[in-house]
Amino acid sequence: MALYLHCVICSRKQANGIVSGAAWGRVELPADATVVHPSVNGSTARACPTCMGQYPDWQDRALTSLGVSGGASG
């Protein structure tokens, strides 16, 4: 388990915990994507609750910020 959650959109960091982690959004990366970024854990990128509330298209923004395109889900 990662010590901190990192937002893929705004780069916010927050200590990882069961309660805090549940509020953060997840977006799956396309199967062929290879990304090295602090917000990515395996094939999932994370977005903070603030960005999720501010941007209705946060999933697309997350993928775009990583230089990845593809169908977002989550």
PDB file of N, CA and C in Angstrom:
ATOM      1  N   MET A   1       0.838  -1.168   0.000  1.00  0.00           N
ATOM      2  CA  MET A   1       0.000   0.000   0.000  1.00  0.00           C
ATOM      3  C   MET A   1       0.892   1.243   0.000  1.00  0.00           C
ATOM      4  N   ALA A   2       0.554   2.206  -0.847  1.00  0.00           N
ATOM      5  CA  ALA A   2       1.330   3.442  -0.947  1.00  0.00           C
ATOM      6  C   ALA A   2       1.121   4.286   0.308  1.00  0.00           C
ATOM      7  N   LEU A   3       2.167   4.992   0.707  1.00  0.00           N
ATOM      8  CA  LEU A   3       2.106   5.841   1.893  1.00  0.00           C
ATOM      9  C   LEU A   3       1.247   7.080   1.653  1.00  0.00           C
ATOM     10  N   TYR A   4       1.320   7.616   0.431  1.00  0.00           N
ATOM     11  CA  TYR A   4       0.545   8.800   0.075  1.00  0.00           C
ATOM     12  C   TYR A   4      -0.266   8.547  -1.182  1.00  0.00           C
ATOM     13  N   LEU A   5      -1.431   9.196  -1.242  1.00  0.00           N
ATOM     14  CA  LEU A   5      -2.204   9.255  -2.469  1.00  0.00           C
ATOM     15  C   LEU A   5      -1.754  10.507  -3.200  1.00  0.00           C
ATOM     16  N   HIS A   6      -1.601  10.439  -4.517  1.00  0.00           N
ATOM     17  CA  HIS A   6      -1.201  11.570  -5.345  1.00  0.00           C
ATOM     18  C   HIS A   6      -2.288  11.793  -6.386  1.00  0.00           C
ATOM     19  N   CYS A   7      -2.769  13.034  -6.496  1.00  0.00           N
ATOM     20  CA  CYS A   7      -3.780  13.350  -7.503  1.00  0.00           C
ATOM     21  C   CYS A   7      -3.107  13.516  -8.857  1.00  0.00           C
ATOM     22  N   VAL A   8      -3.623  12.833  -9.847  1.00  0.00           N
ATOM     23  CA  VAL A   8      -3.075  12.886 -11.196  1.00  0.00           C
ATOM     24  C   VAL A   8      -3.341  14.237 -11.857  1.00  0.00           C
ATOM     25  N   ILE A   9      -4.342  14.968 -11.396  1.00  0.00           N
ATOM     26  CA  ILE A   9      -4.708  16.244 -12.019  1.00  0.00           C
ATOM     27  C   ILE A   9      -3.990  17.422 -11.368  1.00  0.00           C
ATOM     28  N   CYS A  10      -4.069  17.543 -10.046  1.00  0.00           N
ATOM     29  CA  CYS A  10      -3.515  18.727  -9.368  1.00  0.00           C
ATOM     30  C   CYS A  10      -2.245  18.434  -8.573  1.00  0.00           C
ATOM     31  N   SER A  11      -1.846  17.180  -8.501  1.00  0.00           N
ATOM     32  CA  SER A  11      -0.646  16.736  -7.778  1.00  0.00           C
ATOM     33  C   SER A  11      -0.766  16.839  -6.255  1.00  0.00           C
ATOM     34  N   ARG A  12      -1.970  16.986  -5.740  1.00  0.00           N
ATOM     35  CA  ARG A  12      -2.187  17.003  -4.298  1.00  0.00           C
ATOM     36  C   ARG A  12      -1.725  15.681  -3.702  1.00  0.00           C
ATOM     37  N   LYS A  13      -1.151  15.755  -2.510  1.00  0.00           N
ATOM     38  CA  LYS A  13      -0.743  14.557  -1.779  1.00  0.00           C
ATOM     39  C   LYS A  13      -1.530  14.479  -0.485  1.00  0.00           C
ATOM     40  N   GLN A  14      -1.913  13.277  -0.118  1.00  0.00           N
ATOM     41  CA  GLN A  14      -2.628  13.045   1.136  1.00  0.00           C
ATOM     42  C   GLN A  14      -2.218  11.688   1.669  1.00  0.00           C
ATOM     43  N   ALA A  15      -2.075  11.610   2.966  1.00  0.00           N
ATOM     44  CA  ALA A  15      -1.738  10.328   3.589  1.00  0.00           C
ATOM     45  C   ALA A  15      -2.801   9.299   3.216  1.00  0.00           C
ATOM     46  N   ASN A  16      -2.362   8.114   2.861  1.00  0.00           N
ATOM     47  CA  ASN A  16      -3.272   7.053   2.455  1.00  0.00           C
ATOM     48  C   ASN A  16      -3.854   6.377   3.690  1.00  0.00           C
ATOM     49  N   GLY A  17      -5.142   6.207   3.683  1.00  0.00           N
ATOM     50  CA  GLY A  17      -5.836   5.520   4.756  1.00  0.00           C
ATOM     51  C   GLY A  17      -7.136   4.957   4.210  1.00  0.00           C
ATOM     52  N   ILE A  18      -7.777   4.131   4.969  1.00  0.00           N
ATOM     53  CA  ILE A  18      -9.017   3.512   4.507  1.00  0.00           C
ATOM     54  C   ILE A  18     -10.086   4.556   4.225  1.00  0.00           C
ATOM     55  N   VAL A  19     -10.284   5.502   5.130  1.00  0.00           N
ATOM     56  CA  VAL A  19     -11.317   6.519   4.955  1.00  0.00           C
ATOM     57  C   VAL A  19     -10.932   7.493   3.843  1.00  0.00           C
ATOM     58  N   SER A  20      -9.704   8.009   3.877  1.00  0.00           N
ATOM     59  CA  SER A  20      -9.306   8.987   2.871  1.00  0.00           C
ATOM     60  C   SER A  20      -9.239   8.365   1.481  1.00  0.00           C
ATOM     61  N   GLY A  21      -8.745   7.162   1.386  1.00  0.00           N
ATOM     62  CA  GLY A  21      -8.634   6.501   0.094  1.00  0.00           C
ATOM     63  C   GLY A  21      -9.977   6.228  -0.557  1.00  0.00           C
ATOM     64  N   ALA A  22     -11.006   6.000   0.239  1.00  0.00           N
ATOM     65  CA  ALA A  22     -12.331   5.710  -0.302  1.00  0.00           C
ATOM     66  C   ALA A  22     -12.939   6.918  -1.007  1.00  0.00           C
ATOM     67  N   ALA A  23     -12.546   8.127  -0.629  1.00  0.00           N
ATOM     68  CA  ALA A  23     -13.097   9.341  -1.224  1.00  0.00           C
ATOM     69  C   ALA A  23     -12.431   9.704  -2.550  1.00  0.00           C
ATOM     70  N   TRP A  24     -11.311   9.109  -2.823  1.00  0.00           N
ATOM     71  CA  TRP A  24     -10.552   9.432  -4.038  1.00  0.00           C
ATOM     72  C   TRP A  24     -11.066   8.626  -5.218  1.00  0.00           C
ATOM     73  N   GLY A  25     -11.087   9.264  -6.390  1.00  0.00           N
ATOM     74  CA  GLY A  25     -11.538   8.595  -7.603  1.00  0.00           C
ATOM     75  C   GLY A  25     -10.436   7.737  -8.204  1.00  0.00           C
ATOM     76  N   ARG A  26     -10.851   6.743  -8.938  1.00  0.00           N
ATOM     77  CA  ARG A  26      -9.920   5.842  -9.620  1.00  0.00           C
ATOM     78  C   ARG A  26     -10.301   5.787 -11.092  1.00  0.00           C
ATOM     79  N   VAL A  27      -9.300   5.772 -11.925  1.00  0.00           N
ATOM     80  CA  VAL A  27      -9.535   5.602 -13.358  1.00  0.00           C
ATOM     81  C   VAL A  27      -8.552   4.557 -13.865  1.00  0.00           C
ATOM     82  N   GLU A  28      -9.091   3.582 -14.581  1.00  0.00           N
ATOM     83  CA  GLU A  28      -8.263   2.509 -15.126  1.00  0.00           C
ATOM     84  C   GLU A  28      -7.546   2.995 -16.382  1.00  0.00           C
ATOM     85  N   LEU A  29      -6.276   2.672 -16.470  1.00  0.00           N
ATOM     86  CA  LEU A  29      -5.508   2.997 -17.659  1.00  0.00           C
ATOM     87  C   LEU A  29      -5.780   1.947 -18.736  1.00  0.00           C
ATOM     88  N   PRO A  30      -5.672   2.336 -20.008  1.00  0.00           N
ATOM     89  CA  PRO A  30      -5.814   1.331 -21.072  1.00  0.00           C
ATOM     90  C   PRO A  30      -4.782   0.215 -20.879  1.00  0.00           C
ATOM     91  N   ALA A  31      -5.119  -0.965 -21.320  1.00  0.00           N
ATOM     92  CA  ALA A  31      -4.276  -2.143 -21.095  1.00  0.00           C
ATOM     93  C   ALA A  31      -2.870  -1.977 -21.655  1.00  0.00           C
ATOM     94  N   ASP A  32      -2.717  -1.241 -22.750  1.00  0.00           N
ATOM     95  CA  ASP A  32      -1.407  -1.114 -23.380  1.00  0.00           C
ATOM     96  C   ASP A  32      -0.602   0.080 -22.854  1.00  0.00           C
ATOM     97  N   ALA A  33      -1.132   0.802 -21.860  1.00  0.00           N
ATOM     98  CA  ALA A  33      -0.457   1.997 -21.345  1.00  0.00           C
ATOM     99  C   ALA A  33       0.663   1.623 -20.374  1.00  0.00           C
ATOM    100  N   THR A  34       1.788   2.292 -20.529  1.00  0.00           N
ATOM    101  CA  THR A  34       2.903   2.159 -19.603  1.00  0.00           C
ATOM    102  C   THR A  34       3.203   3.556 -19.086  1.00  0.00           C
ATOM    103  N   VAL A  35       2.882   3.803 -17.831  1.00  0.00           N
ATOM    104  CA  VAL A  35       3.005   5.139 -17.254  1.00  0.00           C
ATOM    105  C   VAL A  35       3.768   5.058 -15.939  1.00  0.00           C
ATOM    106  N   VAL A  36       4.717   5.963 -15.766  1.00  0.00           N
ATOM    107  CA  VAL A  36       5.416   6.098 -14.494  1.00  0.00           C
ATOM    108  C   VAL A  36       5.035   7.463 -13.932  1.00  0.00           C
ATOM    109  N   HIS A  37       4.220   7.461 -12.897  1.00  0.00           N
ATOM    110  CA  HIS A  37       3.721   8.694 -12.278  1.00  0.00           C
ATOM    111  C   HIS A  37       3.334   8.345 -10.842  1.00  0.00           C
ATOM    112  N   PRO A  38       3.542   9.273  -9.887  1.00  0.00           N
ATOM    113  CA  PRO A  38       3.214   8.959  -8.486  1.00  0.00           C
ATOM    114  C   PRO A  38       1.743   8.628  -8.245  1.00  0.00           C
ATOM    115  N   SER A  39       0.848   9.099  -9.106  1.00  0.00           N
ATOM    116  CA  SER A  39      -0.574   8.835  -8.904  1.00  0.00           C
ATOM    117  C   SER A  39      -1.010   7.476  -9.433  1.00  0.00           C
ATOM    118  N   VAL A  40      -0.129   6.796 -10.146  1.00  0.00           N
ATOM    119  CA  VAL A  40      -0.473   5.510 -10.757  1.00  0.00           C
ATOM    120  C   VAL A  40       0.008   4.363  -9.880  1.00  0.00           C
ATOM    121  N   ASN A  41      -0.900   3.452  -9.601  1.00  0.00           N
ATOM    122  CA  ASN A  41      -0.575   2.243  -8.848  1.00  0.00           C
ATOM    123  C   ASN A  41      -1.069   1.070  -9.689  1.00  0.00           C
ATOM    124  N   GLY A  42      -0.148   0.372 -10.296  1.00  0.00           N
ATOM    125  CA  GLY A  42      -0.525  -0.714 -11.201  1.00  0.00           C
ATOM    126  C   GLY A  42      -1.130  -0.133 -12.463  1.00  0.00           C
ATOM    127  N   SER A  43      -2.407  -0.379 -12.685  1.00  0.00           N
ATOM    128  CA  SER A  43      -3.085   0.145 -13.873  1.00  0.00           C
ATOM    129  C   SER A  43      -4.155   1.161 -13.515  1.00  0.00           C
ATOM    130  N   THR A  44      -4.055   1.744 -12.312  1.00  0.00           N
ATOM    131  CA  THR A  44      -5.060   2.684 -11.836  1.00  0.00           C
ATOM    132  C   THR A  44      -4.422   4.005 -11.442  1.00  0.00           C
ATOM    133  N   ALA A  45      -5.014   5.098 -11.902  1.00  0.00           N
ATOM    134  CA  ALA A  45      -4.594   6.442 -11.490  1.00  0.00           C
ATOM    135  C   ALA A  45      -5.633   6.975 -10.512  1.00  0.00           C
ATOM    136  N   ARG A  46      -5.203   7.881  -9.626  1.00  0.00           N
ATOM    137  CA  ARG A  46      -6.095   8.418  -8.596  1.00  0.00           C
ATOM    138  C   ARG A  46      -6.307   9.907  -8.791  1.00  0.00           C
ATOM    139  N   ALA A  47      -7.500  10.385  -8.439  1.00  0.00           N
ATOM    140  CA  ALA A  47      -7.835  11.806  -8.465  1.00  0.00           C
ATOM    141  C   ALA A  47      -8.461  12.179  -7.128  1.00  0.00           C
ATOM    142  N   CYS A  48      -8.094  13.352  -6.625  1.00  0.00           N
ATOM    143  CA  CYS A  48      -8.586  13.787  -5.311  1.00  0.00           C
ATOM    144  C   CYS A  48     -10.053  14.203  -5.381  1.00  0.00           C
ATOM    145  N   PRO A  49     -10.731  14.224  -4.239  1.00  0.00           N
ATOM    146  CA  PRO A  49     -12.143  14.602  -4.215  1.00  0.00           C
ATOM    147  C   PRO A  49     -12.390  16.017  -4.744  1.00  0.00           C
ATOM    148  N   THR A  50     -11.460  16.944  -4.527  1.00  0.00           N
ATOM    149  CA  THR A  50     -11.630  18.316  -5.008  1.00  0.00           C
ATOM    150  C   THR A  50     -11.679  18.346  -6.533  1.00  0.00           C
ATOM    151  N   CYS A  51     -10.741  17.680  -7.184  1.00  0.00           N
ATOM    152  CA  CYS A  51     -10.728  17.651  -8.653  1.00  0.00           C
ATOM    153  C   CYS A  51     -11.944  16.912  -9.204  1.00  0.00           C
ATOM    154  N   MET A  52     -12.364  15.858  -8.528  1.00  0.00           N
ATOM    155  CA  MET A  52     -13.549  15.126  -8.975  1.00  0.00           C
ATOM    156  C   MET A  52     -14.779  16.026  -8.932  1.00  0.00           C
ATOM    157  N   GLY A  53     -14.875  16.874  -7.902  1.00  0.00           N
ATOM    158  CA  GLY A  53     -16.014  17.779  -7.780  1.00  0.00           C
ATOM    159  C   GLY A  53     -15.929  18.963  -8.725  1.00  0.00           C
ATOM    160  N   GLN A  54     -14.718  19.422  -8.993  1.00  0.00           N
ATOM    161  CA  GLN A  54     -14.519  20.602  -9.823  1.00  0.00           C
ATOM    162  C   GLN A  54     -14.639  20.304 -11.315  1.00  0.00           C
ATOM    163  N   TYR A  55     -14.247  19.116 -11.726  1.00  0.00           N
ATOM    164  CA  TYR A  55     -14.217  18.767 -13.142  1.00  0.00           C
ATOM    165  C   TYR A  55     -15.131  17.578 -13.416  1.00  0.00           C
ATOM    166  N   PRO A  56     -16.279  17.812 -14.045  1.00  0.00           N
ATOM    167  CA  PRO A  56     -17.167  16.689 -14.376  1.00  0.00           C
ATOM    168  C   PRO A  56     -16.479  15.657 -15.280  1.00  0.00           C
ATOM    169  N   ASP A  57     -15.490  16.107 -16.062  1.00  0.00           N
ATOM    170  CA  ASP A  57     -14.763  15.216 -16.963  1.00  0.00           C
ATOM    171  C   ASP A  57     -13.426  14.782 -16.354  1.00  0.00           C
ATOM    172  N   TRP A  58     -13.371  14.627 -15.035  1.00  0.00           N
ATOM    173  CA  TRP A  58     -12.103  14.356 -14.352  1.00  0.00           C
ATOM    174  C   TRP A  58     -11.408  13.099 -14.873  1.00  0.00           C
ATOM    175  N   GLN A  59     -12.164  12.106 -15.292  1.00  0.00           N
ATOM    176  CA  GLN A  59     -11.542  10.879 -15.788  1.00  0.00           C
ATOM    177  C   GLN A  59     -10.763  11.145 -17.075  1.00  0.00           C
ATOM    178  N   ASP A  60     -11.362  11.911 -17.983  1.00  0.00           N
ATOM    179  CA  ASP A  60     -10.661  12.272 -19.218  1.00  0.00           C
ATOM    180  C   ASP A  60      -9.450  13.150 -18.918  1.00  0.00           C
ATOM    181  N   ARG A  61      -9.598  14.097 -17.995  1.00  0.00           N
ATOM    182  CA  ARG A  61      -8.483  14.967 -17.602  1.00  0.00           C
ATOM    183  C   ARG A  61      -7.338  14.142 -17.014  1.00  0.00           C
ATOM    184  N   ALA A  62      -7.691  13.154 -16.223  1.00  0.00           N
ATOM    185  CA  ALA A  62      -6.668  12.303 -15.606  1.00  0.00           C
ATOM    186  C   ALA A  62      -5.859  11.579 -16.675  1.00  0.00           C
ATOM    187  N   LEU A  63      -6.543  10.979 -17.622  1.00  0.00           N
ATOM    188  CA  LEU A  63      -5.846  10.263 -18.689  1.00  0.00           C
ATOM    189  C   LEU A  63      -5.024  11.217 -19.547  1.00  0.00           C
ATOM    190  N   THR A  64      -5.583  12.378 -19.854  1.00  0.00           N
ATOM    191  CA  THR A  64      -4.869  13.364 -20.661  1.00  0.00           C
ATOM    192  C   THR A  64      -3.613  13.843 -19.952  1.00  0.00           C
ATOM    193  N   SER A  65      -3.697  14.061 -18.647  1.00  0.00           N
ATOM    194  CA  SER A  65      -2.530  14.538 -17.906  1.00  0.00           C
ATOM    195  C   SER A  65      -1.395  13.507 -17.900  1.00  0.00           C
ATOM    196  N   LEU A  66      -1.742  12.246 -18.121  1.00  0.00           N
ATOM    197  CA  LEU A  66      -0.728  11.183 -18.189  1.00  0.00           C
ATOM    198  C   LEU A  66      -0.267  10.925 -19.618  1.00  0.00           C
ATOM    199  N   GLY A  67      -0.881  11.639 -20.580  1.00  0.00           N
ATOM    200  CA  GLY A  67      -0.525  11.424 -21.978  1.00  0.00           C
ATOM    201  C   GLY A  67      -1.124  10.152 -22.537  1.00  0.00           C
ATOM    202  N   VAL A  68      -2.247   9.740 -21.954  1.00  0.00           N
ATOM    203  CA  VAL A  68      -2.905   8.499 -22.350  1.00  0.00           C
ATOM    204  C   VAL A  68      -4.298   8.845 -22.857  1.00  0.00           C
ATOM    205  N   SER A  69      -4.749   8.148 -23.870  1.00  0.00           N
ATOM    206  CA  SER A  69      -6.127   8.302 -24.308  1.00  0.00           C
ATOM    207  C   SER A  69      -6.797   6.940 -24.235  1.00  0.00           C
ATOM    208  N   GLY A  70      -8.097   6.975 -24.039  1.00  0.00           N
ATOM    209  CA  GLY A  70      -8.824   5.713 -23.962  1.00  0.00           C
ATOM    210  C   GLY A  70     -10.067   5.872 -23.164  1.00  0.00           C
ATOM    211  N   GLY A  71     -10.911   4.878 -23.181  1.00  0.00           N
ATOM    212  CA  GLY A  71     -12.166   4.926 -22.446  1.00  0.00           C
ATOM    213  C   GLY A  71     -11.926   4.899 -20.957  1.00  0.00           C
ATOM    214  N   ALA A  72     -12.407   5.907 -20.277  1.00  0.00           N
ATOM    215  CA  ALA A  72     -12.254   5.977 -18.823  1.00  0.00           C
ATOM    216  C   ALA A  72     -13.445   5.308 -18.162  1.00  0.00           C
ATOM    217  N   SER A  73     -13.187   4.720 -17.018  1.00  0.00           N
ATOM    218  CA  SER A  73     -14.257   4.143 -16.212  1.00  0.00           C
ATOM    219  C   SER A  73     -13.911   4.334 -14.753  1.00  0.00           C
ATOM    220  N   GLY A  74     -14.945   4.419 -13.904  1.00  0.00           N
ATOM    221  CA  GLY A  74     -14.658   4.495 -12.491  1.00  0.00           C
ATOM    222  C   GLY A  74     -15.426   5.514 -11.834  1.00  0.00           C
TER     223      GLY A  74
END
